[in-house]
C-alpha cells in the first residue's frame, strides 16, 4: 500500500509534503513532523489531477465539503446548512453520482491555509 502524508506546522504557517512515497522518506517525514497534524492522502485525484488529502476543502456540483479520514474511510462533510451530512469519497468511476466533470470533486483549499472558505 502506498502512503502519502502532509503535515501542517502551525508555528511556521507552513504545509510540508512528504517526498517520494518510500519507507525511508516516510520514516524521516514522521520523525520531523510527527508532532504536527499529519494528513493522509486518499490516493484519489480531483478533476484537475491534484491529490486529495484529509482536511482538504473540495467542491463539486453538489456544494463544498471538508475531506475527513475516519476508521479507514475518507469522507466529505458538506459545509453549510446540514453540516452533519457526509458522503464517502470514492474514485470518480466508483461513485454513480458522477455523471460529468461538473459533478467531480475539485480541491479548492484546505482547512489550515484557507479558513475563509469555511464561512
C-alpha atoms as a PDB file:
ATOM      1  CA  UNK A   1       0.000   0.000   0.000  1.00  0.00           C
ATOM      2  CA  UNK A   2       1.265   3.424  -0.939  1.00  0.00           C
ATOM      3  CA  UNK A   3       1.191   6.057   1.831  1.00  0.00           C
ATOM      4  CA  UNK A   4       1.498   9.802   1.274  1.00  0.00           C
ATOM      5  CA  UNK A   5       1.393  12.337   4.072  1.00  0.00           C
ATOM      6  CA  UNK A   6       1.486  16.046   4.581  1.00  0.00           C
ATOM      7  CA  UNK A   7       1.790  17.994   7.833  1.00  0.00           C
ATOM      8  CA  UNK A   8       0.626  21.403   8.979  1.00  0.00           C
ATOM      9  CA  UNK A   9       3.205  23.316  11.000  1.00  0.00           C
ATOM     10  CA  UNK A  10       1.113  25.979  12.709  1.00  0.00           C
ATOM     11  CA  UNK A  11       4.085  27.751  14.289  1.00  0.00           C
ATOM     12  CA  UNK A  12       5.574  28.443  10.851  1.00  0.00           C
ATOM     13  CA  UNK A  13       2.235  28.603   8.992  1.00  0.00           C
ATOM     14  CA  UNK A  14       3.603  26.024   6.549  1.00  0.00           C
ATOM     15  CA  UNK A  15       2.290  22.863   4.854  1.00  0.00           C
ATOM     16  CA  UNK A  16       5.005  20.230   4.420  1.00  0.00           C
ATOM     17  CA  UNK A  17       4.583  17.412   1.915  1.00  0.00           C
ATOM     18  CA  UNK A  18       6.278  14.034   2.119  1.00  0.00           C
ATOM     19  CA  UNK A  19       8.684  13.335  -0.716  1.00  0.00           C
ATOM     20  CA  UNK A  20       8.727  10.113  -2.722  1.00  0.00           C
ATOM     21  CA  UNK A  21       6.459   7.565  -1.015  1.00  0.00           C
ATOM     22  CA  UNK A  22       9.050   5.045   0.161  1.00  0.00           C
ATOM     23  CA  UNK A  23       9.671   3.690   3.660  1.00  0.00           C
ATOM     24  CA  UNK A  24      12.810   5.754   4.315  1.00  0.00           C
ATOM     25  CA  UNK A  25      11.135   9.015   3.290  1.00  0.00           C
ATOM     26  CA  UNK A  26       8.009   8.165   5.301  1.00  0.00           C
ATOM     27  CA  UNK A  27      10.068   7.465   8.442  1.00  0.00           C
ATOM     28  CA  UNK A  28      12.046  10.676   8.006  1.00  0.00           C
ATOM     29  CA  UNK A  29       8.868  12.696   7.456  1.00  0.00           C
ATOM     30  CA  UNK A  30       7.220  11.286  10.579  1.00  0.00           C
ATOM     31  CA  UNK A  31      10.425  11.893  12.571  1.00  0.00           C
ATOM     32  CA  UNK A  32      10.496  15.577  11.565  1.00  0.00           C
ATOM     33  CA  UNK A  33       6.754  16.313  11.550  1.00  0.00           C
ATOM     34  CA  UNK A  34       5.232  13.650  13.829  1.00  0.00           C
ATOM     35  CA  UNK A  35       4.389  16.232  16.481  1.00  0.00           C
ATOM     36  CA  UNK A  36       2.418  18.252  13.886  1.00  0.00           C
ATOM     37  CA  UNK A  37      -1.001  17.492  12.455  1.00  0.00           C
ATOM     38  CA  UNK A  38      -0.442  14.723   9.884  1.00  0.00           C
ATOM     39  CA  UNK A  39      -2.875  14.315   6.990  1.00  0.00           C
ATOM     40  CA  UNK A  40      -3.162  11.175   4.908  1.00  0.00           C
ATOM     41  CA  UNK A  41      -3.583  11.285   1.139  1.00  0.00           C
ATOM     42  CA  UNK A  42      -6.684   9.493  -0.182  1.00  0.00           C
ATOM     43  CA  UNK A  43      -4.765   8.430  -3.328  1.00  0.00           C
ATOM     44  CA  UNK A  44      -7.725   9.846  -5.277  1.00  0.00           C
ATOM     45  CA  UNK A  45      -7.148  12.770  -7.602  1.00  0.00           C
ATOM     46  CA  UNK A  46      -9.542  15.643  -8.185  1.00  0.00           C
ATOM     47  CA  UNK A  47     -10.791  16.619 -11.639  1.00  0.00           C
ATOM     48  CA  UNK A  48      -7.570  18.598 -12.225  1.00  0.00           C
ATOM     49  CA  UNK A  49      -5.296  15.676 -11.288  1.00  0.00           C
ATOM     50  CA  UNK A  50      -4.448  17.042  -7.807  1.00  0.00           C
ATOM     51  CA  UNK A  51      -4.145  14.587  -4.891  1.00  0.00           C
ATOM     52  CA  UNK A  52      -6.964  14.805  -2.327  1.00  0.00           C
ATOM     53  CA  UNK A  53      -5.802  14.773   1.324  1.00  0.00           C
ATOM     54  CA  UNK A  54      -7.631  14.720   4.635  1.00  0.00           C
ATOM     55  CA  UNK A  55      -8.539  18.309   5.643  1.00  0.00           C
ATOM     56  CA  UNK A  56      -8.818  19.440   2.023  1.00  0.00           C
ATOM     57  CA  UNK A  57     -11.769  21.587   1.073  1.00  0.00           C
ATOM     58  CA  UNK A  58     -13.372  20.245  -2.090  1.00  0.00           C
ATOM     59  CA  UNK A  59     -16.296  21.304  -4.194  1.00  0.00           C
ATOM     60  CA  UNK A  60     -18.444  19.651  -6.802  1.00  0.00           C
ATOM     61  CA  UNK A  61     -21.838  20.289  -8.373  1.00  0.00           C
ATOM     62  CA  UNK A  62     -23.479  19.447  -5.036  1.00  0.00           C
ATOM     63  CA  UNK A  63     -21.585  22.023  -2.965  1.00  0.00           C
ATOM     64  CA  UNK A  64     -18.394  22.239  -0.905  1.00  0.00           C
ATOM     65  CA  UNK A  65     -17.129  19.945   1.808  1.00  0.00           C
ATOM     66  CA  UNK A  66     -14.195  19.033   4.028  1.00  0.00           C
ATOM     67  CA  UNK A  67     -12.397  15.729   3.491  1.00  0.00           C
ATOM     68  CA  UNK A  68     -12.071  13.693   6.693  1.00  0.00           C
ATOM     69  CA  UNK A  69     -10.422  10.333   7.390  1.00  0.00           C
ATOM     70  CA  UNK A  70     -12.310   8.161   9.860  1.00  0.00           C
ATOM     71  CA  UNK A  71     -11.985   4.440  10.597  1.00  0.00           C
ATOM     72  CA  UNK A  72     -10.189   3.673   7.347  1.00  0.00           C
ATOM     73  CA  UNK A  73     -12.602   5.650   5.145  1.00  0.00           C
ATOM     74  CA  UNK A  74     -12.301   9.081   3.554  1.00  0.00           C
ATOM     75  CA  UNK A  75     -15.491  11.104   3.926  1.00  0.00           C
ATOM     76  CA  UNK A  76     -16.631  14.503   2.702  1.00  0.00           C
ATOM     77  CA  UNK A  77     -18.533  16.505   5.316  1.00  0.00           C
ATOM     78  CA  UNK A  78     -20.634  19.038   3.461  1.00  0.00           C
ATOM     79  CA  UNK A  79     -20.309  22.676   4.524  1.00  0.00           C
ATOM     80  CA  UNK A  80     -23.491  24.615   5.070  1.00  0.00           C
ATOM     81  CA  UNK A  81     -26.945  24.154   6.463  1.00  0.00           C
ATOM     82  CA  UNK A  82     -26.733  20.411   7.052  1.00  0.00           C
ATOM     83  CA  UNK A  83     -23.188  20.189   8.435  1.00  0.00           C
ATOM     84  CA  UNK A  84     -23.837  16.654   9.723  1.00  0.00           C
ATOM     85  CA  UNK A  85     -24.235  15.310   6.175  1.00  0.00           C
ATOM     86  CA  UNK A  86     -21.392  13.105   4.955  1.00  0.00           C
ATOM     87  CA  UNK A  87     -20.588  11.315   1.717  1.00  0.00           C
ATOM     88  CA  UNK A  88     -17.955   8.638   1.208  1.00  0.00           C
ATOM     89  CA  UNK A  89     -15.106   9.763  -1.039  1.00  0.00           C
ATOM     90  CA  UNK A  90     -14.627   7.199  -3.780  1.00  0.00           C
ATOM     91  CA  UNK A  91     -12.859   7.343  -7.086  1.00  0.00           C
ATOM     92  CA  UNK A  92     -14.924   9.043  -9.758  1.00  0.00           C
ATOM     93  CA  UNK A  93     -15.536   5.758 -11.595  1.00  0.00           C
ATOM     94  CA  UNK A  94     -16.973   4.094  -8.489  1.00  0.00           C
ATOM     95  CA  UNK A  95     -19.420   6.744  -7.316  1.00  0.00           C
ATOM     96  CA  UNK A  96     -22.528   6.530  -9.513  1.00  0.00           C
ATOM     97  CA  UNK A  97     -23.482  10.174  -8.890  1.00  0.00           C
ATOM     98  CA  UNK A  98     -20.595  11.407 -11.012  1.00  0.00           C
ATOM     99  CA  UNK A  99     -22.018  11.729 -14.498  1.00  0.00           C
ATOM    100  CA  UNK A 100     -19.847  14.522 -15.856  1.00  0.00           C
ATOM    101  CA  UNK A 101     -16.857  16.654 -14.947  1.00  0.00           C
ATOM    102  CA  UNK A 102     -19.061  19.281 -13.270  1.00  0.00           C
ATOM    103  CA  UNK A 103     -20.003  16.706 -10.608  1.00  0.00           C
ATOM    104  CA  UNK A 104     -16.415  15.665  -9.880  1.00  0.00           C
ATOM    105  CA  UNK A 105     -14.531  16.968  -6.854  1.00  0.00           C
ATOM    106  CA  UNK A 106     -12.094  19.846  -7.167  1.00  0.00           C
ATOM    107  CA  UNK A 107      -9.660  20.754  -4.368  1.00  0.00           C
ATOM    108  CA  UNK A 108     -10.140  24.457  -3.639  1.00  0.00           C
ATOM    109  CA  UNK A 109      -8.009  24.678  -0.483  1.00  0.00           C
ATOM    110  CA  UNK A 110      -7.576  23.150   2.945  1.00  0.00           C
ATOM    111  CA  UNK A 111      -8.816  23.929   6.442  1.00  0.00           C
ATOM    112  CA  UNK A 112      -5.409  25.187   7.614  1.00  0.00           C
ATOM    113  CA  UNK A 113      -4.426  27.621   4.865  1.00  0.00           C
ATOM    114  CA  UNK A 114      -7.880  28.639   3.600  1.00  0.00           C
ATOM    115  CA  UNK A 115     -10.089  29.128   6.658  1.00  0.00           C
ATOM    116  CA  UNK A 116     -12.100  31.801   4.846  1.00  0.00           C
ATOM    117  CA  UNK A 117     -13.570  29.086   2.597  1.00  0.00           C
ATOM    118  CA  UNK A 118     -15.335  27.593   5.615  1.00  0.00           C
ATOM    119  CA  UNK A 119     -17.602  30.651   6.083  1.00  0.00           C
END
